[in-house]
Amino acid sequence: MECPYCKKEMSEGYIHNGRQPIHWIPDGAKPAMLAYNIAKGGVNLCHLPTGPAIINGYSAEAYYCADCKVVLAKTET
């Protein structure tokens, strides 16, 4: 993937989280109290199938630009 800022190639990788879905939370909102729930106004990141989330946790594909210090990840919506 090309970095939208410097146009160089980004490194492919992923963001991993324990037992709660990976999601973006808007500024001022709080994380959900219960595991497996999304915060109000939150947006799920695309989930990589790594087996049962209850065992393996959640992972989302992400790209990193070392020059710009930017991480990009797609959302489900």
PDB file of N, CA and C in Angstrom:
ATOM      1  N   MET A   1       0.850  -1.171   0.000  1.00  0.00           N
ATOM      2  CA  MET A   1       0.000   0.000   0.000  1.00  0.00           C
ATOM      3  C   MET A   1       0.898   1.237   0.000  1.00  0.00           C
ATOM      4  N   GLU A   2       0.485   2.240  -0.729  1.00  0.00           N
ATOM      5  CA  GLU A   2       1.231   3.490  -0.816  1.00  0.00           C
ATOM      6  C   GLU A   2       0.801   4.444   0.294  1.00  0.00           C
ATOM      7  N   CYS A   3       1.766   5.058   0.971  1.00  0.00           N
ATOM      8  CA  CYS A   3       1.466   6.029   2.021  1.00  0.00           C
ATOM      9  C   CYS A   3       0.780   7.246   1.395  1.00  0.00           C
ATOM     10  N   PRO A   4      -0.345   7.684   1.941  1.00  0.00           N
ATOM     11  CA  PRO A   4      -1.040   8.833   1.365  1.00  0.00           C
ATOM     12  C   PRO A   4      -0.305  10.157   1.594  1.00  0.00           C
ATOM     13  N   TYR A   5       0.687  10.149   2.461  1.00  0.00           N
ATOM     14  CA  TYR A   5       1.413  11.385   2.774  1.00  0.00           C
ATOM     15  C   TYR A   5       2.685  11.534   1.943  1.00  0.00           C
ATOM     16  N   CYS A   6       3.571  10.531   1.978  1.00  0.00           N
ATOM     17  CA  CYS A   6       4.864  10.638   1.285  1.00  0.00           C
ATOM     18  C   CYS A   6       4.914   9.827  -0.007  1.00  0.00           C
ATOM     19  N   LYS A   7       3.909   8.992  -0.258  1.00  0.00           N
ATOM     20  CA  LYS A   7       3.780   8.166  -1.465  1.00  0.00           C
ATOM     21  C   LYS A   7       4.760   6.987  -1.521  1.00  0.00           C
ATOM     22  N   LYS A   8       5.500   6.715  -0.441  1.00  0.00           N
ATOM     23  CA  LYS A   8       6.388   5.555  -0.400  1.00  0.00           C
ATOM     24  C   LYS A   8       5.583   4.315  -0.028  1.00  0.00           C
ATOM     25  N   GLU A   9       6.154   3.144  -0.281  1.00  0.00           N
ATOM     26  CA  GLU A   9       5.485   1.880   0.037  1.00  0.00           C
ATOM     27  C   GLU A   9       5.445   1.682   1.557  1.00  0.00           C
ATOM     28  N   MET A  10       4.290   1.277   2.065  1.00  0.00           N
ATOM     29  CA  MET A  10       4.116   1.037   3.495  1.00  0.00           C
ATOM     30  C   MET A  10       4.384  -0.430   3.809  1.00  0.00           C
ATOM     31  N   SER A  11       4.805  -0.713   5.037  1.00  0.00           N
ATOM     32  CA  SER A  11       5.037  -2.088   5.484  1.00  0.00           C
ATOM     33  C   SER A  11       3.718  -2.713   5.904  1.00  0.00           C
ATOM     34  N   GLU A  12       3.485  -3.950   5.469  1.00  0.00           N
ATOM     35  CA  GLU A  12       2.260  -4.674   5.812  1.00  0.00           C
ATOM     36  C   GLU A  12       2.435  -5.335   7.173  1.00  0.00           C
ATOM     37  N   GLY A  13       1.387  -5.336   7.967  1.00  0.00           N
ATOM     38  CA  GLY A  13       1.417  -5.979   9.278  1.00  0.00           C
ATOM     39  C   GLY A  13       0.012  -6.062   9.844  1.00  0.00           C
ATOM     40  N   TYR A  14      -0.093  -6.065  11.160  1.00  0.00           N
ATOM     41  CA  TYR A  14      -1.408  -6.135  11.792  1.00  0.00           C
ATOM     42  C   TYR A  14      -1.367  -5.525  13.184  1.00  0.00           C
ATOM     43  N   ILE A  15      -2.541  -5.200  13.687  1.00  0.00           N
ATOM     44  CA  ILE A  15      -2.727  -4.722  15.054  1.00  0.00           C
ATOM     45  C   ILE A  15      -3.427  -5.848  15.792  1.00  0.00           C
ATOM     46  N   HIS A  16      -2.911  -6.223  16.933  1.00  0.00           N
ATOM     47  CA  HIS A  16      -3.498  -7.326  17.698  1.00  0.00           C
ATOM     48  C   HIS A  16      -4.036  -6.804  19.030  1.00  0.00           C
ATOM     49  N   ASN A  17      -5.141  -7.378  19.446  1.00  0.00           N
ATOM     50  CA  ASN A  17      -5.757  -7.038  20.723  1.00  0.00           C
ATOM     51  C   ASN A  17      -6.171  -8.336  21.395  1.00  0.00           C
ATOM     52  N   GLY A  18      -6.301  -8.312  22.674  1.00  0.00           N
ATOM     53  CA  GLY A  18      -6.691  -9.509  23.414  1.00  0.00           C
ATOM     54  C   GLY A  18      -8.087  -9.973  23.074  1.00  0.00           C
ATOM     55  N   ARG A  19      -8.967  -9.951  23.999  1.00  0.00           N
ATOM     56  CA  ARG A  19     -10.292 -10.547  23.828  1.00  0.00           C
ATOM     57  C   ARG A  19     -11.386  -9.546  23.484  1.00  0.00           C
ATOM     58  N   GLN A  20     -11.047  -8.302  23.212  1.00  0.00           N
ATOM     59  CA  GLN A  20     -12.055  -7.311  22.842  1.00  0.00           C
ATOM     60  C   GLN A  20     -11.864  -6.944  21.374  1.00  0.00           C
ATOM     61  N   PRO A  21     -12.956  -6.792  20.607  1.00  0.00           N
ATOM     62  CA  PRO A  21     -12.810  -6.429  19.193  1.00  0.00           C
ATOM     63  C   PRO A  21     -11.978  -5.153  19.049  1.00  0.00           C
ATOM     64  N   ILE A  22     -11.192  -5.086  17.995  1.00  0.00           N
ATOM     65  CA  ILE A  22     -10.378  -3.901  17.742  1.00  0.00           C
ATOM     66  C   ILE A  22     -11.263  -2.865  17.065  1.00  0.00           C
ATOM     67  N   HIS A  23     -11.304  -1.688  17.644  1.00  0.00           N
ATOM     68  CA  HIS A  23     -12.128  -0.644  17.065  1.00  0.00           C
ATOM     69  C   HIS A  23     -11.586   0.734  17.416  1.00  0.00           C
ATOM     70  N   TRP A  24     -11.918   1.696  16.554  1.00  0.00           N
ATOM     71  CA  TRP A  24     -11.581   3.085  16.759  1.00  0.00           C
ATOM     72  C   TRP A  24     -12.655   3.674  17.656  1.00  0.00           C
ATOM     73  N   ILE A  25     -12.230   4.482  18.630  1.00  0.00           N
ATOM     74  CA  ILE A  25     -13.178   5.117  19.556  1.00  0.00           C
ATOM     75  C   ILE A  25     -13.057   6.624  19.384  1.00  0.00           C
ATOM     76  N   PRO A  26     -14.174   7.334  19.189  1.00  0.00           N
ATOM     77  CA  PRO A  26     -14.100   8.774  19.004  1.00  0.00           C
ATOM     78  C   PRO A  26     -13.596   9.484  20.260  1.00  0.00           C
ATOM     79  N   ASP A  27     -12.939  10.600  20.062  1.00  0.00           N
ATOM     80  CA  ASP A  27     -12.432  11.397  21.166  1.00  0.00           C
ATOM     81  C   ASP A  27     -13.563  11.732  22.135  1.00  0.00           C
ATOM     82  N   GLY A  28     -13.336  11.533  23.404  1.00  0.00           N
ATOM     83  CA  GLY A  28     -14.335  11.821  24.431  1.00  0.00           C
ATOM     84  C   GLY A  28     -15.187  10.628  24.811  1.00  0.00           C
ATOM     85  N   ALA A  29     -15.218   9.576  23.976  1.00  0.00           N
ATOM     86  CA  ALA A  29     -15.993   8.373  24.292  1.00  0.00           C
ATOM     87  C   ALA A  29     -15.135   7.440  25.133  1.00  0.00           C
ATOM     88  N   LYS A  30     -15.794   6.577  25.888  1.00  0.00           N
ATOM     89  CA  LYS A  30     -15.097   5.615  26.734  1.00  0.00           C
ATOM     90  C   LYS A  30     -15.235   4.209  26.159  1.00  0.00           C
ATOM     91  N   PRO A  31     -14.239   3.340  26.403  1.00  0.00           N
ATOM     92  CA  PRO A  31     -14.359   1.954  25.946  1.00  0.00           C
ATOM     93  C   PRO A  31     -15.573   1.268  26.578  1.00  0.00           C
ATOM     94  N   ALA A  32     -16.073   0.240  25.920  1.00  0.00           N
ATOM     95  CA  ALA A  32     -17.198  -0.530  26.445  1.00  0.00           C
ATOM     96  C   ALA A  32     -16.780  -1.222  27.744  1.00  0.00           C
ATOM     97  N   MET A  33     -17.726  -1.367  28.648  1.00  0.00           N
ATOM     98  CA  MET A  33     -17.444  -1.991  29.942  1.00  0.00           C
ATOM     99  C   MET A  33     -17.242  -3.498  29.812  1.00  0.00           C
ATOM    100  N   LEU A  34     -17.947  -4.128  28.892  1.00  0.00           N
ATOM    101  CA  LEU A  34     -17.888  -5.574  28.740  1.00  0.00           C
ATOM    102  C   LEU A  34     -17.048  -5.978  27.541  1.00  0.00           C
ATOM    103  N   ALA A  35     -16.292  -7.046  27.694  1.00  0.00           N
ATOM    104  CA  ALA A  35     -15.518  -7.573  26.566  1.00  0.00           C
ATOM    105  C   ALA A  35     -16.482  -7.981  25.452  1.00  0.00           C
ATOM    106  N   TYR A  36     -16.018  -8.006  24.238  1.00  0.00           N
ATOM    107  CA  TYR A  36     -16.772  -8.366  23.038  1.00  0.00           C
ATOM    108  C   TYR A  36     -17.760  -7.290  22.605  1.00  0.00           C
ATOM    109  N   ASN A  37     -17.781  -6.130  23.273  1.00  0.00           N
ATOM    110  CA  ASN A  37     -18.663  -5.032  22.889  1.00  0.00           C
ATOM    111  C   ASN A  37     -17.851  -3.893  22.285  1.00  0.00           C
ATOM    112  N   ILE A  38     -18.512  -3.096  21.465  1.00  0.00           N
ATOM    113  CA  ILE A  38     -17.891  -1.935  20.833  1.00  0.00           C
ATOM    114  C   ILE A  38     -18.372  -0.687  21.562  1.00  0.00           C
ATOM    115  N   ALA A  39     -17.473   0.278  21.752  1.00  0.00           N
ATOM    116  CA  ALA A  39     -17.837   1.534  22.401  1.00  0.00           C
ATOM    117  C   ALA A  39     -18.897   2.268  21.580  1.00  0.00           C
ATOM    118  N   LYS A  40     -19.717   3.056  22.240  1.00  0.00           N
ATOM    119  CA  LYS A  40     -20.730   3.844  21.548  1.00  0.00           C
ATOM    120  C   LYS A  40     -20.029   4.786  20.566  1.00  0.00           C
ATOM    121  N   GLY A  41     -20.425   4.736  19.307  1.00  0.00           N
ATOM    122  CA  GLY A  41     -19.812   5.548  18.266  1.00  0.00           C
ATOM    123  C   GLY A  41     -18.540   4.944  17.701  1.00  0.00           C
ATOM    124  N   GLY A  42     -18.143   3.758  18.197  1.00  0.00           N
ATOM    125  CA  GLY A  42     -16.921   3.099  17.733  1.00  0.00           C
ATOM    126  C   GLY A  42     -17.083   2.508  16.346  1.00  0.00           C
ATOM    127  N   VAL A  43     -15.957   2.284  15.671  1.00  0.00           N
ATOM    128  CA  VAL A  43     -15.938   1.705  14.328  1.00  0.00           C
ATOM    129  C   VAL A  43     -15.001   0.506  14.354  1.00  0.00           C
ATOM    130  N   ASN A  44     -15.524  -0.673  14.014  1.00  0.00           N
ATOM    131  CA  ASN A  44     -14.714  -1.900  13.967  1.00  0.00           C
ATOM    132  C   ASN A  44     -13.650  -1.815  12.891  1.00  0.00           C
ATOM    133  N   LEU A  45     -12.453  -2.302  13.225  1.00  0.00           N
ATOM    134  CA  LEU A  45     -11.431  -2.498  12.206  1.00  0.00           C
ATOM    135  C   LEU A  45     -11.664  -3.880  11.599  1.00  0.00           C
ATOM    136  N   CYS A  46     -11.275  -4.060  10.348  1.00  0.00           N
ATOM    137  CA  CYS A  46     -11.468  -5.349   9.682  1.00  0.00           C
ATOM    138  C   CYS A  46     -10.755  -6.451  10.456  1.00  0.00           C
ATOM    139  N   HIS A  47     -11.455  -7.511  10.710  1.00  0.00           N
ATOM    140  CA  HIS A  47     -10.952  -8.629  11.508  1.00  0.00           C
ATOM    141  C   HIS A  47     -10.275  -9.656  10.620  1.00  0.00           C
ATOM    142  N   LEU A  48      -9.066 -10.045  11.005  1.00  0.00           N
ATOM    143  CA  LEU A  48      -8.361 -11.116  10.294  1.00  0.00           C
ATOM    144  C   LEU A  48      -8.766 -12.451  10.912  1.00  0.00           C
ATOM    145  N   PRO A  49      -9.155 -13.424  10.111  1.00  0.00           N
ATOM    146  CA  PRO A  49      -9.537 -14.722  10.673  1.00  0.00           C
ATOM    147  C   PRO A  49      -8.308 -15.474  11.200  1.00  0.00           C
ATOM    148  N   THR A  50      -8.149 -15.486  12.514  1.00  0.00           N
ATOM    149  CA  THR A  50      -7.015 -16.184  13.135  1.00  0.00           C
ATOM    150  C   THR A  50      -7.511 -17.299  14.039  1.00  0.00           C
ATOM    151  N   GLY A  51      -8.708 -17.803  13.772  1.00  0.00           N
ATOM    152  CA  GLY A  51      -9.299 -18.821  14.626  1.00  0.00           C
ATOM    153  C   GLY A  51     -10.284 -18.172  15.583  1.00  0.00           C
ATOM    154  N   PRO A  52     -10.764 -18.928  16.551  1.00  0.00           N
ATOM    155  CA  PRO A  52     -11.751 -18.391  17.485  1.00  0.00           C
ATOM    156  C   PRO A  52     -11.180 -17.217  18.297  1.00  0.00           C
ATOM    157  N   ALA A  53     -11.874 -16.066  18.259  1.00  0.00           N
ATOM    158  CA  ALA A  53     -11.398 -14.874  18.969  1.00  0.00           C
ATOM    159  C   ALA A  53     -11.288 -15.116  20.468  1.00  0.00           C
ATOM    160  N   ILE A  54     -12.134 -15.950  21.010  1.00  0.00           N
ATOM    161  CA  ILE A  54     -12.095 -16.231  22.446  1.00  0.00           C
ATOM    162  C   ILE A  54     -10.756 -16.850  22.852  1.00  0.00           C
ATOM    163  N   ILE A  55     -10.103 -17.535  21.907  1.00  0.00           N
ATOM    164  CA  ILE A  55      -8.813 -18.177  22.181  1.00  0.00           C
ATOM    165  C   ILE A  55      -7.652 -17.305  21.682  1.00  0.00           C
ATOM    166  N   ASN A  56      -7.744 -16.837  20.437  1.00  0.00           N
ATOM    167  CA  ASN A  56      -6.635 -16.137  19.794  1.00  0.00           C
ATOM    168  C   ASN A  56      -6.685 -14.619  19.894  1.00  0.00           C
ATOM    169  N   GLY A  57      -7.783 -14.054  20.355  1.00  0.00           N
ATOM    170  CA  GLY A  57      -7.928 -12.607  20.366  1.00  0.00           C
ATOM    171  C   GLY A  57      -8.289 -12.090  18.982  1.00  0.00           C
ATOM    172  N   TYR A  58      -8.219 -10.790  18.811  1.00  0.00           N
ATOM    173  CA  TYR A  58      -8.592 -10.140  17.557  1.00  0.00           C
ATOM    174  C   TYR A  58      -7.359  -9.515  16.911  1.00  0.00           C
ATOM    175  N   SER A  59      -7.280  -9.570  15.577  1.00  0.00           N
ATOM    176  CA  SER A  59      -6.210  -8.930  14.822  1.00  0.00           C
ATOM    177  C   SER A  59      -6.832  -8.198  13.645  1.00  0.00           C
ATOM    178  N   ALA A  60      -6.239  -7.057  13.274  1.00  0.00           N
ATOM    179  CA  ALA A  60      -6.707  -6.288  12.124  1.00  0.00           C
ATOM    180  C   ALA A  60      -5.519  -5.953  11.243  1.00  0.00           C
ATOM    181  N   GLU A  61      -5.677  -6.151   9.938  1.00  0.00           N
ATOM    182  CA  GLU A  61      -4.636  -5.814   8.984  1.00  0.00           C
ATOM    183  C   GLU A  61      -4.330  -4.320   9.070  1.00  0.00           C
ATOM    184  N   ALA A  62      -3.052  -3.965   9.032  1.00  0.00           N
ATOM    185  CA  ALA A  62      -2.654  -2.559   9.105  1.00  0.00           C
ATOM    186  C   ALA A  62      -1.363  -2.350   8.328  1.00  0.00           C
ATOM    187  N   TYR A  63      -1.137  -1.128   7.898  1.00  0.00           N
ATOM    188  CA  TYR A  63       0.060  -0.758   7.151  1.00  0.00           C
ATOM    189  C   TYR A  63       0.762   0.380   7.891  1.00  0.00           C
ATOM    190  N   TYR A  64       2.106   0.349   7.889  1.00  0.00           N
ATOM    191  CA  TYR A  64       2.894   1.303   8.643  1.00  0.00           C
ATOM    192  C   TYR A  64       3.896   2.010   7.735  1.00  0.00           C
ATOM    193  N   CYS A  65       3.986   3.340   7.849  1.00  0.00           N
ATOM    194  CA  CYS A  65       4.986   4.127   7.141  1.00  0.00           C
ATOM    195  C   CYS A  65       5.991   4.619   8.180  1.00  0.00           C
ATOM    196  N   ALA A  66       7.213   4.095   8.118  1.00  0.00           N
ATOM    197  CA  ALA A  66       8.253   4.473   9.075  1.00  0.00           C
ATOM    198  C   ALA A  66       8.667   5.935   8.909  1.00  0.00           C
ATOM    199  N   ASP A  67       8.617   6.463   7.695  1.00  0.00           N
ATOM    200  CA  ASP A  67       9.009   7.847   7.468  1.00  0.00           C
ATOM    201  C   ASP A  67       8.008   8.831   8.074  1.00  0.00           C
ATOM    202  N   CYS A  68       6.721   8.560   7.904  1.00  0.00           N
ATOM    203  CA  CYS A  68       5.669   9.471   8.385  1.00  0.00           C
ATOM    204  C   CYS A  68       5.154   9.110   9.779  1.00  0.00           C
ATOM    205  N   LYS A  69       5.537   7.908  10.255  1.00  0.00           N
ATOM    206  CA  LYS A  69       5.047   7.421  11.563  1.00  0.00           C
ATOM    207  C   LYS A  69       3.518   7.333  11.578  1.00  0.00           C
ATOM    208  N   VAL A  70       2.970   6.710  10.512  1.00  0.00           N
ATOM    209  CA  VAL A  70       1.526   6.588  10.339  1.00  0.00           C
ATOM    210  C   VAL A  70       1.153   5.121  10.208  1.00  0.00           C
ATOM    211  N   VAL A  71       0.055   4.721  10.853  1.00  0.00           N
ATOM    212  CA  VAL A  71      -0.519   3.383  10.711  1.00  0.00           C
ATOM    213  C   VAL A  71      -1.902   3.548  10.096  1.00  0.00           C
ATOM    214  N   LEU A  72      -2.187   2.776   9.059  1.00  0.00           N
ATOM    215  CA  LEU A  72      -3.509   2.788   8.410  1.00  0.00           C
ATOM    216  C   LEU A  72      -4.135   1.406   8.526  1.00  0.00           C
ATOM    217  N   ALA A  73      -5.439   1.379   8.816  1.00  0.00           N
ATOM    218  CA  ALA A  73      -6.175   0.121   8.906  1.00  0.00           C
ATOM    219  C   ALA A  73      -7.562   0.343   8.310  1.00  0.00           C
ATOM    220  N   LYS A  74      -8.066  -0.661   7.590  1.00  0.00           N
ATOM    221  CA  LYS A  74      -9.411  -0.577   7.022  1.00  0.00           C
ATOM    222  C   LYS A  74     -10.451  -0.894   8.089  1.00  0.00           C
ATOM    223  N   THR A  75     -11.654  -0.356   7.899  1.00  0.00           N
ATOM    224  CA  THR A  75     -12.753  -0.633   8.819  1.00  0.00           C
ATOM    225  C   THR A  75     -13.760  -1.562   8.149  1.00  0.00           C
ATOM    226  N   GLU A  76     -14.644  -2.138   8.951  1.00  0.00           N
ATOM    227  CA  GLU A  76     -15.681  -3.028   8.413  1.00  0.00           C
ATOM    228  C   GLU A  76     -16.814  -2.258   7.768  1.00  0.00           C
ATOM    229  N   THR A  77     -16.989  -0.993   8.131  1.00  0.00           N
ATOM    230  CA  THR A  77     -18.109  -0.213   7.588  1.00  0.00           C
ATOM    231  C   THR A  77     -17.652   0.790   6.565  1.00  0.00           C
TER     232      THR A  77
END
